[in-house]
Amino acid sequence: MAASAALLSGSAVQLGAPFSSTRLSHCRPGTAATAPLVPAFSAVSWGHATPPLPARRPSAVRAQEVESKEATLTGVVFEPFQEVQGLVKSVPETSQESFARQRFSQAAEAGINEQINVEYNNSYIYHALAAYFDRDNVALPGLAKFFRQSALEEREHAEMFIKYQNIRGGRVKLQSILAPQTEYDHSDKGDALYAMELALCLEKLTNEKLLALHKTAEESDDPQMTDFIEGNFLEEQVEAIKQVSEYVSQLRRVGKGHGVFHFDLQLQEALEHAA
């Protein structure tokens, strides 16, 4: 007991004092201690202080501030069962009316039906042109193929509008299609140039109809319909105008007769390449 007391009294360790670099030098008589027996705590007094918390990073602080601001932006809580009550009343009670219809104006519905008729009329005219150039006494297979593809494309456009009309809850009302002419030979221009100029005018007219339909959608405050028209038709339409314009330029350059024959060969090769 006396030795233990002497050992404790001779050491630099005191309760309540910091454990800086304390070494117990009296562990073994005649030897010096080479390592501390207890860990060193810098600037911390045992039982008298608490280690400081690590500082938060500035980015974490900013993120928390932004989160806090966003959380209190409106203060409105989404209450679906209360908010849906107004829409529940708008669901038709009979199957004679569309269940899907929402924010789809009568003007937009009528405009789509008119555009369906435009596309089908264009398809009908292009079918007539394809049949003309496929005749044995005309025999321009490149032009026949070009107009046949154009006819199918216009029909696909009509079907796209039909599908969209049903998606929005409108009613498709098909209208009559006018019979196209059967003869396309022009005394001054010839048949190829005359037909291609007619196609150019049809493409420009279709573009005007699409722009008018787009305006109707804007006036009806219908962003979904404007997106449908912009995403599927407007860019493609100006590209079609550019392509047909180039064909008109080439046909004017080559003239009638032998030049048309070579134009038709090149057109046929280009269409087969693209297929």
Protein backbone atom coordinates (compact mmCIF):
# COMPACT_ATOMS: atom_id res chain seq x y z
CA MET A 1 0.00 0.00 0.00
CA ALA A 2 2.85 2.38 0.87
CA ALA A 3 4.60 1.58 -2.41
CA SER A 4 1.39 2.19 -4.35
CA ALA A 5 0.91 5.53 -2.62
CA ALA A 6 4.48 6.51 -3.40
CA LEU A 7 4.01 5.53 -7.03
CA LEU A 8 0.87 7.62 -7.39
CA SER A 9 2.34 10.57 -5.56
CA GLY A 10 5.47 10.52 -7.75
CA SER A 11 3.53 10.46 -11.04
CA ALA A 12 2.28 13.47 -12.95
CA VAL A 13 -1.24 12.05 -13.23
CA GLN A 14 -3.93 13.74 -11.24
CA LEU A 15 -7.67 13.26 -11.52
CA GLY A 16 -9.15 16.22 -13.27
CA ALA A 17 -5.88 17.14 -15.03
CA PRO A 18 -5.34 16.70 -18.79
CA PHE A 19 -3.68 13.52 -20.08
CA SER A 20 -1.24 15.34 -22.32
CA SER A 21 2.05 13.48 -22.74
CA THR A 22 2.14 11.82 -19.33
CA ARG A 23 4.47 8.88 -18.85
CA LEU A 24 4.63 6.71 -15.73
CA SER A 25 8.33 6.53 -14.90
CA HIS A 26 8.10 4.44 -11.72
CA CYS A 27 6.59 1.29 -13.19
CA ARG A 28 9.83 -0.56 -12.76
CA PRO A 29 12.59 0.57 -10.46
CA GLY A 30 15.66 1.78 -12.36
CA THR A 31 13.93 1.82 -15.81
CA ALA A 32 12.35 4.67 -17.73
CA ALA A 33 8.94 4.26 -19.37
CA THR A 34 9.06 4.40 -23.16
CA ALA A 35 5.35 4.66 -24.02
CA PRO A 36 2.32 6.21 -22.38
CA LEU A 37 0.00 3.84 -20.57
CA VAL A 38 -3.05 6.00 -21.25
CA PRO A 39 -4.05 7.84 -24.45
CA ALA A 40 -3.32 11.55 -24.71
CA PHE A 41 -6.30 13.91 -25.08
CA SER A 42 -5.26 17.33 -26.30
CA ALA A 43 -7.14 20.29 -24.83
CA VAL A 44 -9.70 18.03 -23.14
CA SER A 45 -9.91 17.74 -19.38
CA TRP A 46 -11.31 14.47 -18.18
CA GLY A 47 -14.69 15.12 -16.66
CA HIS A 48 -14.52 18.89 -17.31
CA ALA A 49 -15.14 19.41 -21.08
CA THR A 50 -16.94 17.88 -24.13
CA PRO A 51 -15.15 17.44 -27.47
CA PRO A 52 -16.44 20.01 -30.03
CA LEU A 53 -18.83 18.77 -32.78
CA PRO A 54 -17.43 18.74 -36.33
CA ALA A 55 -18.43 21.84 -38.31
CA ARG A 56 -20.99 21.32 -41.10
CA ARG A 57 -19.79 21.81 -44.64
CA PRO A 58 -21.02 25.01 -46.36
CA SER A 59 -22.59 22.99 -49.20
CA ALA A 60 -24.63 20.94 -46.72
CA VAL A 61 -25.79 24.13 -45.01
CA ARG A 62 -26.84 25.67 -48.33
CA ALA A 63 -28.69 22.51 -49.39
CA GLN A 64 -30.60 22.52 -46.10
CA GLU A 65 -31.50 26.20 -46.57
CA VAL A 66 -32.77 25.57 -50.13
CA GLU A 67 -34.77 22.57 -48.91
CA SER A 68 -36.31 24.69 -46.20
CA LYS A 69 -37.27 27.44 -48.66
CA GLU A 70 -38.81 24.96 -51.11
CA ALA A 71 -40.77 23.27 -48.38
CA THR A 72 -42.41 26.57 -47.40
CA LEU A 73 -42.87 27.87 -50.96
CA THR A 74 -46.67 27.65 -51.07
CA GLY A 75 -47.66 25.93 -47.87
CA VAL A 76 -50.38 24.05 -49.80
CA VAL A 77 -50.72 20.36 -49.06
CA PHE A 78 -52.04 18.04 -51.79
CA GLU A 79 -55.32 16.53 -50.61
CA PRO A 80 -56.36 14.16 -53.42
CA PHE A 81 -59.62 12.90 -51.95
CA GLN A 82 -60.92 16.44 -51.52
CA GLU A 83 -59.57 17.90 -54.76
CA VAL A 84 -60.85 15.03 -56.91
CA GLN A 85 -64.47 15.68 -55.92
CA GLY A 86 -64.89 18.34 -58.61
CA LEU A 87 -63.66 15.96 -61.30
CA VAL A 88 -65.87 13.12 -60.09
CA LYS A 89 -68.90 15.23 -60.94
CA SER A 90 -67.61 15.76 -64.50
CA VAL A 91 -67.55 12.03 -65.36
CA PRO A 92 -70.51 11.30 -67.69
CA GLU A 93 -73.22 9.05 -66.32
CA THR A 94 -73.92 7.39 -69.67
CA SER A 95 -71.61 5.68 -72.15
CA GLN A 96 -72.87 7.93 -74.96
CA GLU A 97 -70.30 10.55 -73.94
CA SER A 98 -66.52 10.25 -73.73
CA PHE A 99 -65.01 9.41 -70.35
CA ALA A 100 -61.54 10.50 -71.48
CA ARG A 101 -62.40 13.99 -72.69
CA GLN A 102 -60.75 16.81 -70.74
CA ARG A 103 -59.92 20.37 -71.80
CA PHE A 104 -60.64 19.48 -75.44
CA SER A 105 -62.66 22.19 -77.15
CA GLN A 106 -65.31 21.77 -79.82
CA ALA A 107 -63.20 23.94 -82.16
CA ALA A 108 -60.20 21.64 -81.74
CA GLU A 109 -62.35 18.57 -82.39
CA ALA A 110 -63.81 20.10 -85.56
CA GLY A 111 -60.36 21.21 -86.74
CA ILE A 112 -58.98 17.69 -86.44
CA ASN A 113 -61.89 16.28 -88.45
CA GLU A 114 -61.18 18.84 -91.18
CA GLN A 115 -57.50 17.91 -91.22
CA ILE A 116 -58.39 14.23 -91.56
CA ASN A 117 -60.32 15.15 -94.70
CA VAL A 118 -57.37 17.17 -96.05
CA GLU A 119 -54.99 14.24 -95.58
CA TYR A 120 -57.36 11.74 -97.22
CA ASN A 121 -57.93 14.07 -100.19
CA ASN A 122 -54.18 14.45 -100.67
CA SER A 123 -53.77 10.69 -100.51
CA TYR A 124 -56.49 10.25 -103.14
CA ILE A 125 -54.82 12.72 -105.52
CA TYR A 126 -51.41 11.09 -105.07
CA HIS A 127 -52.97 7.69 -105.78
CA ALA A 128 -54.37 9.09 -109.03
CA LEU A 129 -50.94 10.49 -109.97
CA ALA A 130 -49.28 7.15 -109.22
CA ALA A 131 -51.81 5.35 -111.41
CA TYR A 132 -51.21 7.83 -114.25
CA PHE A 133 -47.42 7.43 -114.31
CA ASP A 134 -47.76 3.64 -114.06
CA ARG A 135 -49.67 3.47 -117.36
CA ASP A 136 -48.06 1.54 -120.22
CA ASN A 137 -48.18 4.60 -122.49
CA VAL A 138 -46.55 6.87 -119.85
CA ALA A 139 -44.14 4.39 -118.22
CA LEU A 140 -42.33 6.52 -115.66
CA PRO A 141 -41.92 4.03 -112.78
CA GLY A 142 -39.85 6.38 -110.62
CA LEU A 143 -42.58 9.01 -110.52
CA ALA A 144 -45.21 6.30 -110.05
CA LYS A 145 -43.35 4.98 -107.01
CA PHE A 146 -42.81 8.47 -105.57
CA PHE A 147 -46.49 9.35 -105.74
CA ARG A 148 -47.52 5.94 -104.43
CA GLN A 149 -45.32 6.46 -101.35
CA SER A 150 -46.72 9.97 -100.96
CA ALA A 151 -50.26 8.60 -101.05
CA LEU A 152 -49.50 6.07 -98.31
CA GLU A 153 -47.82 8.75 -96.19
CA GLU A 154 -50.84 11.06 -96.41
CA ARG A 155 -53.13 8.20 -95.43
CA GLU A 156 -50.92 7.47 -92.42
CA HIS A 157 -51.22 11.12 -91.40
CA ALA A 158 -55.01 10.85 -91.57
CA GLU A 159 -54.89 7.74 -89.38
CA MET A 160 -52.66 9.54 -86.86
CA PHE A 161 -55.26 12.31 -86.55
CA ILE A 162 -58.02 9.73 -86.18
CA LYS A 163 -56.15 8.04 -83.35
CA TYR A 164 -55.47 11.35 -81.62
CA GLN A 165 -59.12 12.35 -81.91
CA ASN A 166 -60.10 9.19 -80.06
CA ILE A 167 -57.36 9.65 -77.45
CA ARG A 168 -58.74 13.08 -76.56
CA GLY A 169 -62.33 11.90 -76.46
CA GLY A 170 -63.47 13.54 -79.70
CA ARG A 171 -65.68 11.96 -82.32
CA VAL A 172 -64.31 11.15 -85.77
CA LYS A 173 -66.58 12.42 -88.54
CA LEU A 174 -65.32 11.43 -91.98
CA GLN A 175 -66.37 13.68 -94.82
CA SER A 176 -66.69 13.14 -98.55
CA ILE A 177 -63.58 13.05 -100.77
CA LEU A 178 -63.60 14.75 -104.16
CA ALA A 179 -62.71 12.69 -107.20
CA PRO A 180 -59.28 13.70 -108.57
CA GLN A 181 -58.56 14.25 -112.25
CA THR A 182 -57.22 11.36 -114.30
CA GLU A 183 -55.14 13.17 -116.96
CA TYR A 184 -52.00 15.12 -116.04
CA ASP A 185 -50.33 15.87 -119.36
CA HIS A 186 -49.80 19.59 -119.93
CA SER A 187 -49.23 21.00 -123.40
CA ASP A 188 -46.41 23.35 -122.35
CA LYS A 189 -44.93 21.77 -119.21
CA GLY A 190 -45.44 18.09 -119.92
CA ASP A 191 -46.84 15.61 -117.42
CA ALA A 192 -43.89 15.21 -115.03
CA LEU A 193 -43.34 18.92 -114.32
CA TYR A 194 -47.07 19.63 -114.16
CA ALA A 195 -47.62 16.79 -111.67
CA MET A 196 -44.68 17.84 -109.50
CA GLU A 197 -45.82 21.48 -109.41
CA LEU A 198 -49.27 20.24 -108.39
CA ALA A 199 -47.66 18.19 -105.60
CA LEU A 200 -45.71 21.25 -104.43
CA CYS A 201 -48.91 23.30 -104.22
CA LEU A 202 -50.63 20.50 -102.29
CA GLU A 203 -47.77 20.31 -99.78
CA LYS A 204 -47.85 24.08 -99.25
CA LEU A 205 -51.63 24.02 -98.87
CA THR A 206 -51.33 21.21 -96.32
CA ASN A 207 -48.79 23.27 -94.41
CA GLU A 208 -51.25 26.19 -94.28
CA LYS A 209 -53.95 23.85 -92.95
CA LEU A 210 -51.62 22.50 -90.26
CA LEU A 211 -50.64 26.01 -89.16
CA ALA A 212 -54.33 26.96 -88.94
CA LEU A 213 -55.00 23.86 -86.83
CA HIS A 214 -52.04 24.73 -84.60
CA LYS A 215 -53.49 28.22 -84.12
CA THR A 216 -56.85 26.69 -83.17
CA ALA A 217 -55.09 24.60 -80.53
CA GLU A 218 -53.35 27.69 -79.14
CA GLU A 219 -56.58 29.68 -79.03
CA SER A 220 -58.22 26.74 -77.23
CA ASP A 221 -55.39 26.83 -74.66
CA ASP A 222 -54.55 23.20 -75.50
CA PRO A 223 -50.77 22.66 -75.08
CA GLN A 224 -51.12 18.90 -75.58
CA MET A 225 -52.64 19.35 -79.02
CA THR A 226 -50.02 21.93 -80.04
CA ASP A 227 -47.31 19.51 -78.93
CA PHE A 228 -48.90 16.72 -81.02
CA ILE A 229 -48.95 18.89 -84.16
CA GLU A 230 -45.46 20.29 -83.64
CA GLY A 231 -43.89 16.94 -82.84
CA ASN A 232 -45.43 14.95 -85.69
CA PHE A 233 -46.19 17.23 -88.63
CA LEU A 234 -44.71 20.73 -88.83
CA GLU A 235 -41.04 19.89 -89.32
CA GLU A 236 -41.82 17.00 -91.64
CA GLN A 237 -44.05 19.24 -93.74
CA VAL A 238 -41.39 21.86 -94.47
CA GLU A 239 -38.95 19.06 -95.34
CA ALA A 240 -41.48 17.69 -97.85
CA ILE A 241 -41.88 21.15 -99.39
CA LYS A 242 -38.11 21.44 -99.78
CA GLN A 243 -37.83 18.01 -101.43
CA VAL A 244 -40.62 18.59 -103.95
CA SER A 245 -39.25 22.08 -104.70
CA GLU A 246 -35.95 20.51 -105.71
CA TYR A 247 -37.75 18.09 -108.03
CA VAL A 248 -39.56 21.00 -109.67
CA SER A 249 -36.23 22.78 -110.23
CA GLN A 250 -34.65 19.69 -111.77
CA LEU A 251 -37.61 19.02 -114.07
CA ARG A 252 -37.61 22.62 -115.27
CA ARG A 253 -33.92 22.29 -116.04
CA VAL A 254 -34.14 19.04 -118.03
CA GLY A 255 -37.26 20.01 -120.00
CA LYS A 256 -39.65 17.55 -121.63
CA GLY A 257 -38.84 14.28 -123.35
CA HIS A 258 -35.44 12.62 -122.88
CA GLY A 259 -34.58 14.69 -119.79
CA VAL A 260 -37.69 13.45 -117.99
CA PHE A 261 -36.66 9.86 -118.73
CA HIS A 262 -33.28 10.37 -117.02
CA PHE A 263 -34.88 12.22 -114.10
CA ASP A 264 -37.24 9.28 -113.60
CA LEU A 265 -34.34 6.80 -113.58
CA GLN A 266 -32.47 8.78 -110.93
CA LEU A 267 -35.62 9.19 -108.83
CA GLN A 268 -36.28 5.44 -108.96
CA GLU A 269 -32.71 4.66 -107.87
CA ALA A 270 -32.91 7.18 -105.02
CA LEU A 271 -36.18 5.70 -103.73
CA GLU A 272 -34.82 2.14 -103.87
CA HIS A 273 -31.70 3.30 -102.02
CA ALA A 274 -33.79 4.93 -99.29
CA ALA A 275 -36.00 1.85 -98.81
